[in-house]
């Protein structure tokens, strides 16, 4: 149960004091306790293709089918997505941890170094991804040092065989617990 204002005693002047600014590193550490899937967002027109590792992904709506990803304002992928007017969310498998790291830095891997193919709309899709969502860029919002991109899902691919997803928790790539207790049957 979350504490309420009735549970937390305050002095009469505490409510007038502005809150202390949140340290970015402390926020990153706290958010590290939220396990997320690992994706590589890809985009491009075949001439200029790019990708970047992202764990800030969420499903927004089923009708219409919308998803959200966040890209840093200095990401080299952001102008590529804007030019292509779309992107692909590639969900990674545990086997693709090296791919996640290859696309995670400022100097990321080139797509021609990774097995990929073109979607129906012509966007790059990682061929060995667990699943993928092909998205048309629907909206973009200011998110501080990130851009919040809303994509309308126009195509998708799901696995034909069961694979373990790659997850990110406390600053490390991990896999789900494979014990029988960790799976529902």
C-alpha atoms as a PDB file:
ATOM      1  CA  UNK A   1       0.000   0.000   0.000  1.00  0.00           C
ATOM      2  CA  UNK A   2       1.314   3.436  -0.897  1.00  0.00           C
ATOM      3  CA  UNK A   3       1.587   6.032   1.861  1.00  0.00           C
ATOM      4  CA  UNK A   4      -0.932   8.864   1.757  1.00  0.00           C
ATOM      5  CA  UNK A   5      -0.487  12.402   2.922  1.00  0.00           C
ATOM      6  CA  UNK A   6      -2.256  11.361   6.116  1.00  0.00           C
ATOM      7  CA  UNK A   7       0.448   8.738   6.733  1.00  0.00           C
ATOM      8  CA  UNK A   8       3.343  11.145   6.236  1.00  0.00           C
ATOM      9  CA  UNK A   9       3.655  13.929   8.804  1.00  0.00           C
ATOM     10  CA  UNK A  10       4.852  17.256   7.388  1.00  0.00           C
ATOM     11  CA  UNK A  11       5.661  20.587   8.910  1.00  0.00           C
ATOM     12  CA  UNK A  12       3.643  23.560   7.749  1.00  0.00           C
ATOM     13  CA  UNK A  13       6.563  24.922   5.678  1.00  0.00           C
ATOM     14  CA  UNK A  14       7.651  21.671   3.943  1.00  0.00           C
ATOM     15  CA  UNK A  15       4.956  21.943   1.320  1.00  0.00           C
ATOM     16  CA  UNK A  16       6.272  25.391   0.278  1.00  0.00           C
ATOM     17  CA  UNK A  17       9.805  24.199  -0.411  1.00  0.00           C
ATOM     18  CA  UNK A  18      10.413  23.170  -4.049  1.00  0.00           C
ATOM     19  CA  UNK A  19      11.377  19.526  -4.453  1.00  0.00           C
ATOM     20  CA  UNK A  20      15.038  18.675  -4.858  1.00  0.00           C
ATOM     21  CA  UNK A  21      16.003  18.007  -8.489  1.00  0.00           C
ATOM     22  CA  UNK A  22      16.311  14.326  -9.335  1.00  0.00           C
ATOM     23  CA  UNK A  23      19.822  13.240 -10.216  1.00  0.00           C
ATOM     24  CA  UNK A  24      19.865  11.567 -13.653  1.00  0.00           C
ATOM     25  CA  UNK A  25      22.136   8.755 -12.484  1.00  0.00           C
ATOM     26  CA  UNK A  26      19.890   8.029  -9.483  1.00  0.00           C
ATOM     27  CA  UNK A  27      16.849   7.942 -11.778  1.00  0.00           C
ATOM     28  CA  UNK A  28      18.641   5.550 -14.140  1.00  0.00           C
ATOM     29  CA  UNK A  29      19.545   3.285 -11.210  1.00  0.00           C
ATOM     30  CA  UNK A  30      15.978   3.268  -9.880  1.00  0.00           C
ATOM     31  CA  UNK A  31      14.537   2.531 -13.345  1.00  0.00           C
ATOM     32  CA  UNK A  32      17.040  -0.328 -13.650  1.00  0.00           C
ATOM     33  CA  UNK A  33      14.862  -2.287 -11.240  1.00  0.00           C
ATOM     34  CA  UNK A  34      12.173  -2.481 -13.911  1.00  0.00           C
ATOM     35  CA  UNK A  35      12.900  -5.448 -16.184  1.00  0.00           C
ATOM     36  CA  UNK A  36      12.310  -4.693 -19.852  1.00  0.00           C
ATOM     37  CA  UNK A  37      12.572  -6.507 -23.115  1.00  0.00           C
ATOM     38  CA  UNK A  38      15.387  -5.579 -25.461  1.00  0.00           C
ATOM     39  CA  UNK A  39      14.669  -4.303 -28.944  1.00  0.00           C
ATOM     40  CA  UNK A  40      16.642  -2.969 -31.850  1.00  0.00           C
ATOM     41  CA  UNK A  41      14.789  -0.251 -33.724  1.00  0.00           C
ATOM     42  CA  UNK A  42      15.685  -0.242 -37.425  1.00  0.00           C
ATOM     43  CA  UNK A  43      14.800   2.144 -40.216  1.00  0.00           C
ATOM     44  CA  UNK A  44      15.998   3.311 -43.573  1.00  0.00           C
ATOM     45  CA  UNK A  45      15.375   3.311 -47.280  1.00  0.00           C
ATOM     46  CA  UNK A  46      18.077   0.874 -48.383  1.00  0.00           C
ATOM     47  CA  UNK A  47      20.584   3.660 -49.007  1.00  0.00           C
ATOM     48  CA  UNK A  48      20.732   5.039 -45.486  1.00  0.00           C
ATOM     49  CA  UNK A  49      19.842   2.311 -42.967  1.00  0.00           C
ATOM     50  CA  UNK A  50      20.453   2.419 -39.240  1.00  0.00           C
ATOM     51  CA  UNK A  51      19.537   0.700 -36.011  1.00  0.00           C
ATOM     52  CA  UNK A  52      19.822   1.280 -32.291  1.00  0.00           C
ATOM     53  CA  UNK A  53      19.173  -0.762 -29.158  1.00  0.00           C
ATOM     54  CA  UNK A  54      16.163   0.451 -27.184  1.00  0.00           C
ATOM     55  CA  UNK A  55      14.377  -0.798 -24.096  1.00  0.00           C
ATOM     56  CA  UNK A  56      11.956   2.143 -23.981  1.00  0.00           C
ATOM     57  CA  UNK A  57       9.174   0.454 -25.949  1.00  0.00           C
ATOM     58  CA  UNK A  58       5.529  -0.081 -25.081  1.00  0.00           C
ATOM     59  CA  UNK A  59       2.273  -1.032 -26.686  1.00  0.00           C
ATOM     60  CA  UNK A  60      -0.097   1.958 -26.590  1.00  0.00           C
ATOM     61  CA  UNK A  61      -3.331   0.827 -28.254  1.00  0.00           C
ATOM     62  CA  UNK A  62      -4.799  -2.222 -29.971  1.00  0.00           C
ATOM     63  CA  UNK A  63      -7.416  -0.243 -31.923  1.00  0.00           C
ATOM     64  CA  UNK A  64      -5.822   1.515 -33.677  1.00  0.00           C
ATOM     65  CA  UNK A  65      -2.630  -0.563 -33.322  1.00  0.00           C
ATOM     66  CA  UNK A  66      -0.097   1.884 -31.842  1.00  0.00           C
ATOM     67  CA  UNK A  67       3.265   1.478 -30.134  1.00  0.00           C
ATOM     68  CA  UNK A  68       5.693   3.931 -28.569  1.00  0.00           C
ATOM     69  CA  UNK A  69       9.486   4.111 -28.654  1.00  0.00           C
ATOM     70  CA  UNK A  70      11.838   6.785 -27.359  1.00  0.00           C
ATOM     71  CA  UNK A  71      15.016   7.845 -29.160  1.00  0.00           C
ATOM     72  CA  UNK A  72      17.661  10.204 -27.810  1.00  0.00           C
ATOM     73  CA  UNK A  73      17.677  13.575 -29.563  1.00  0.00           C
ATOM     74  CA  UNK A  74      21.293  12.928 -30.632  1.00  0.00           C
ATOM     75  CA  UNK A  75      20.583   9.412 -31.917  1.00  0.00           C
ATOM     76  CA  UNK A  76      21.779   8.931 -35.466  1.00  0.00           C
ATOM     77  CA  UNK A  77      18.650   6.815 -36.035  1.00  0.00           C
ATOM     78  CA  UNK A  78      16.213   9.680 -35.354  1.00  0.00           C
ATOM     79  CA  UNK A  79      16.724  11.544 -38.670  1.00  0.00           C
ATOM     80  CA  UNK A  80      16.615   8.218 -40.531  1.00  0.00           C
ATOM     81  CA  UNK A  81      13.214   7.410 -38.970  1.00  0.00           C
ATOM     82  CA  UNK A  82      11.954  10.897 -39.785  1.00  0.00           C
ATOM     83  CA  UNK A  83      13.081  10.590 -43.425  1.00  0.00           C
ATOM     84  CA  UNK A  84      11.711   7.052 -43.849  1.00  0.00           C
ATOM     85  CA  UNK A  85       8.485   7.960 -41.976  1.00  0.00           C
ATOM     86  CA  UNK A  86       8.610   4.568 -40.291  1.00  0.00           C
ATOM     87  CA  UNK A  87      10.554   2.081 -38.201  1.00  0.00           C
ATOM     88  CA  UNK A  88      10.679  -1.572 -37.199  1.00  0.00           C
ATOM     89  CA  UNK A  89      10.728  -2.806 -33.598  1.00  0.00           C
ATOM     90  CA  UNK A  90      12.790  -6.024 -33.518  1.00  0.00           C
ATOM     91  CA  UNK A  91      12.352  -8.070 -30.311  1.00  0.00           C
ATOM     92  CA  UNK A  92      15.620  -9.850 -29.546  1.00  0.00           C
ATOM     93  CA  UNK A  93      16.285 -13.388 -28.385  1.00  0.00           C
ATOM     94  CA  UNK A  94      18.841 -14.359 -25.762  1.00  0.00           C
ATOM     95  CA  UNK A  95      21.035 -15.566 -28.646  1.00  0.00           C
ATOM     96  CA  UNK A  96      21.155 -11.977 -29.935  1.00  0.00           C
ATOM     97  CA  UNK A  97      22.831 -10.367 -26.941  1.00  0.00           C
ATOM     98  CA  UNK A  98      25.846  -9.486 -29.107  1.00  0.00           C
ATOM     99  CA  UNK A  99      23.492  -7.761 -31.574  1.00  0.00           C
ATOM    100  CA  UNK A 100      21.995  -5.715 -28.724  1.00  0.00           C
ATOM    101  CA  UNK A 101      25.455  -4.578 -27.619  1.00  0.00           C
ATOM    102  CA  UNK A 102      26.552  -3.914 -31.221  1.00  0.00           C
ATOM    103  CA  UNK A 103      23.705  -1.411 -31.673  1.00  0.00           C
ATOM    104  CA  UNK A 104      23.889   0.137 -28.184  1.00  0.00           C
ATOM    105  CA  UNK A 105      26.794   2.571 -28.464  1.00  0.00           C
ATOM    106  CA  UNK A 106      27.293   5.895 -30.173  1.00  0.00           C
ATOM    107  CA  UNK A 107      29.221   4.110 -32.949  1.00  0.00           C
ATOM    108  CA  UNK A 108      26.756   1.325 -33.668  1.00  0.00           C
ATOM    109  CA  UNK A 109      26.986  -1.633 -35.985  1.00  0.00           C
ATOM    110  CA  UNK A 110      25.977  -1.216 -39.601  1.00  0.00           C
ATOM    111  CA  UNK A 111      22.902  -3.109 -40.736  1.00  0.00           C
ATOM    112  CA  UNK A 112      24.841  -4.725 -43.585  1.00  0.00           C
ATOM    113  CA  UNK A 113      26.859  -6.536 -40.862  1.00  0.00           C
ATOM    114  CA  UNK A 114      23.708  -8.203 -39.428  1.00  0.00           C
ATOM    115  CA  UNK A 115      21.395 -10.672 -41.227  1.00  0.00           C
ATOM    116  CA  UNK A 116      18.330  -8.695 -42.271  1.00  0.00           C
ATOM    117  CA  UNK A 117      15.697  -8.454 -44.964  1.00  0.00           C
ATOM    118  CA  UNK A 118      13.209  -5.838 -46.182  1.00  0.00           C
ATOM    119  CA  UNK A 119       9.617  -5.622 -44.977  1.00  0.00           C
ATOM    120  CA  UNK A 120       6.738  -5.197 -47.402  1.00  0.00           C
ATOM    121  CA  UNK A 121       7.078  -1.422 -46.862  1.00  0.00           C
ATOM    122  CA  UNK A 122      10.836  -1.588 -47.572  1.00  0.00           C
ATOM    123  CA  UNK A 123      12.115  -1.121 -44.012  1.00  0.00           C
ATOM    124  CA  UNK A 124      14.973  -3.267 -42.632  1.00  0.00           C
ATOM    125  CA  UNK A 125      13.962  -6.197 -40.381  1.00  0.00           C
ATOM    126  CA  UNK A 126      16.488  -8.240 -38.372  1.00  0.00           C
ATOM    127  CA  UNK A 127      16.087 -11.736 -39.840  1.00  0.00           C
ATOM    128  CA  UNK A 128      16.824 -13.601 -36.590  1.00  0.00           C
ATOM    129  CA  UNK A 129      14.625 -11.459 -34.304  1.00  0.00           C
ATOM    130  CA  UNK A 130      12.143 -13.196 -32.017  1.00  0.00           C
ATOM    131  CA  UNK A 131       9.335 -11.067 -33.490  1.00  0.00           C
ATOM    132  CA  UNK A 132       9.009  -7.689 -35.187  1.00  0.00           C
ATOM    133  CA  UNK A 133       6.525  -4.847 -35.629  1.00  0.00           C
ATOM    134  CA  UNK A 134       6.652  -2.692 -38.731  1.00  0.00           C
ATOM    135  CA  UNK A 135       5.407   0.821 -37.972  1.00  0.00           C
ATOM    136  CA  UNK A 136       4.416   3.924 -39.872  1.00  0.00           C
ATOM    137  CA  UNK A 137       5.502   7.046 -37.962  1.00  0.00           C
ATOM    138  CA  UNK A 138       2.217   8.455 -36.705  1.00  0.00           C
ATOM    139  CA  UNK A 139       3.307  11.193 -34.266  1.00  0.00           C
ATOM    140  CA  UNK A 140       6.374  12.611 -32.549  1.00  0.00           C
ATOM    141  CA  UNK A 141       6.468  14.404 -29.199  1.00  0.00           C
ATOM    142  CA  UNK A 142       9.100  16.265 -27.216  1.00  0.00           C
ATOM    143  CA  UNK A 143      10.323  14.110 -24.353  1.00  0.00           C
ATOM    144  CA  UNK A 144      13.118  16.201 -22.858  1.00  0.00           C
ATOM    145  CA  UNK A 145      16.396  14.781 -24.150  1.00  0.00           C
ATOM    146  CA  UNK A 146      14.423  12.150 -26.101  1.00  0.00           C
ATOM    147  CA  UNK A 147      11.820  12.159 -28.854  1.00  0.00           C
ATOM    148  CA  UNK A 148       8.724  10.080 -28.185  1.00  0.00           C
ATOM    149  CA  UNK A 149       7.694   8.340 -31.384  1.00  0.00           C
ATOM    150  CA  UNK A 150       4.259   6.827 -31.890  1.00  0.00           C
ATOM    151  CA  UNK A 151       4.093   4.211 -34.602  1.00  0.00           C
ATOM    152  CA  UNK A 152       1.037   2.689 -36.201  1.00  0.00           C
ATOM    153  CA  UNK A 153       1.685  -1.038 -36.632  1.00  0.00           C
ATOM    154  CA  UNK A 154       1.188  -1.902 -40.318  1.00  0.00           C
ATOM    155  CA  UNK A 155       2.882  -5.315 -40.340  1.00  0.00           C
ATOM    156  CA  UNK A 156       4.318  -7.881 -37.955  1.00  0.00           C
ATOM    157  CA  UNK A 157       6.113 -11.185 -37.713  1.00  0.00           C
ATOM    158  CA  UNK A 158       5.994 -13.705 -34.890  1.00  0.00           C
ATOM    159  CA  UNK A 159       8.194 -16.717 -34.160  1.00  0.00           C
ATOM    160  CA  UNK A 160       7.531 -20.159 -35.528  1.00  0.00           C
ATOM    161  CA  UNK A 161       9.521 -21.770 -32.688  1.00  0.00           C
ATOM    162  CA  UNK A 162       9.709 -20.896 -28.993  1.00  0.00           C
ATOM    163  CA  UNK A 163      12.783 -18.843 -28.091  1.00  0.00           C
ATOM    164  CA  UNK A 164      13.924 -17.138 -24.910  1.00  0.00           C
ATOM    165  CA  UNK A 165      13.639 -13.345 -25.061  1.00  0.00           C
ATOM    166  CA  UNK A 166      16.502 -11.078 -24.114  1.00  0.00           C
ATOM    167  CA  UNK A 167      15.704  -8.848 -21.137  1.00  0.00           C
ATOM    168  CA  UNK A 168      17.481  -5.934 -19.475  1.00  0.00           C
ATOM    169  CA  UNK A 169      17.603  -5.663 -15.684  1.00  0.00           C
ATOM    170  CA  UNK A 170      19.913  -3.626 -13.417  1.00  0.00           C
ATOM    171  CA  UNK A 171      22.190  -2.629 -16.272  1.00  0.00           C
ATOM    172  CA  UNK A 172      22.743  -6.152 -17.598  1.00  0.00           C
ATOM    173  CA  UNK A 173      21.369  -8.324 -20.391  1.00  0.00           C
ATOM    174  CA  UNK A 174      19.665 -11.388 -18.962  1.00  0.00           C
ATOM    175  CA  UNK A 175      17.261 -14.174 -19.830  1.00  0.00           C
ATOM    176  CA  UNK A 176      14.045 -15.299 -18.213  1.00  0.00           C
ATOM    177  CA  UNK A 177      14.149 -18.069 -15.611  1.00  0.00           C
ATOM    178  CA  UNK A 178      13.918 -21.332 -17.495  1.00  0.00           C
ATOM    179  CA  UNK A 179      12.956 -23.450 -14.491  1.00  0.00           C
ATOM    180  CA  UNK A 180       9.554 -25.179 -14.571  1.00  0.00           C
ATOM    181  CA  UNK A 181       8.376 -22.814 -11.824  1.00  0.00           C
ATOM    182  CA  UNK A 182       9.154 -19.898 -14.144  1.00  0.00           C
ATOM    183  CA  UNK A 183       6.840 -21.175 -16.898  1.00  0.00           C
ATOM    184  CA  UNK A 184       3.107 -21.555 -16.951  1.00  0.00           C
ATOM    185  CA  UNK A 185       1.830 -24.753 -18.428  1.00  0.00           C
END
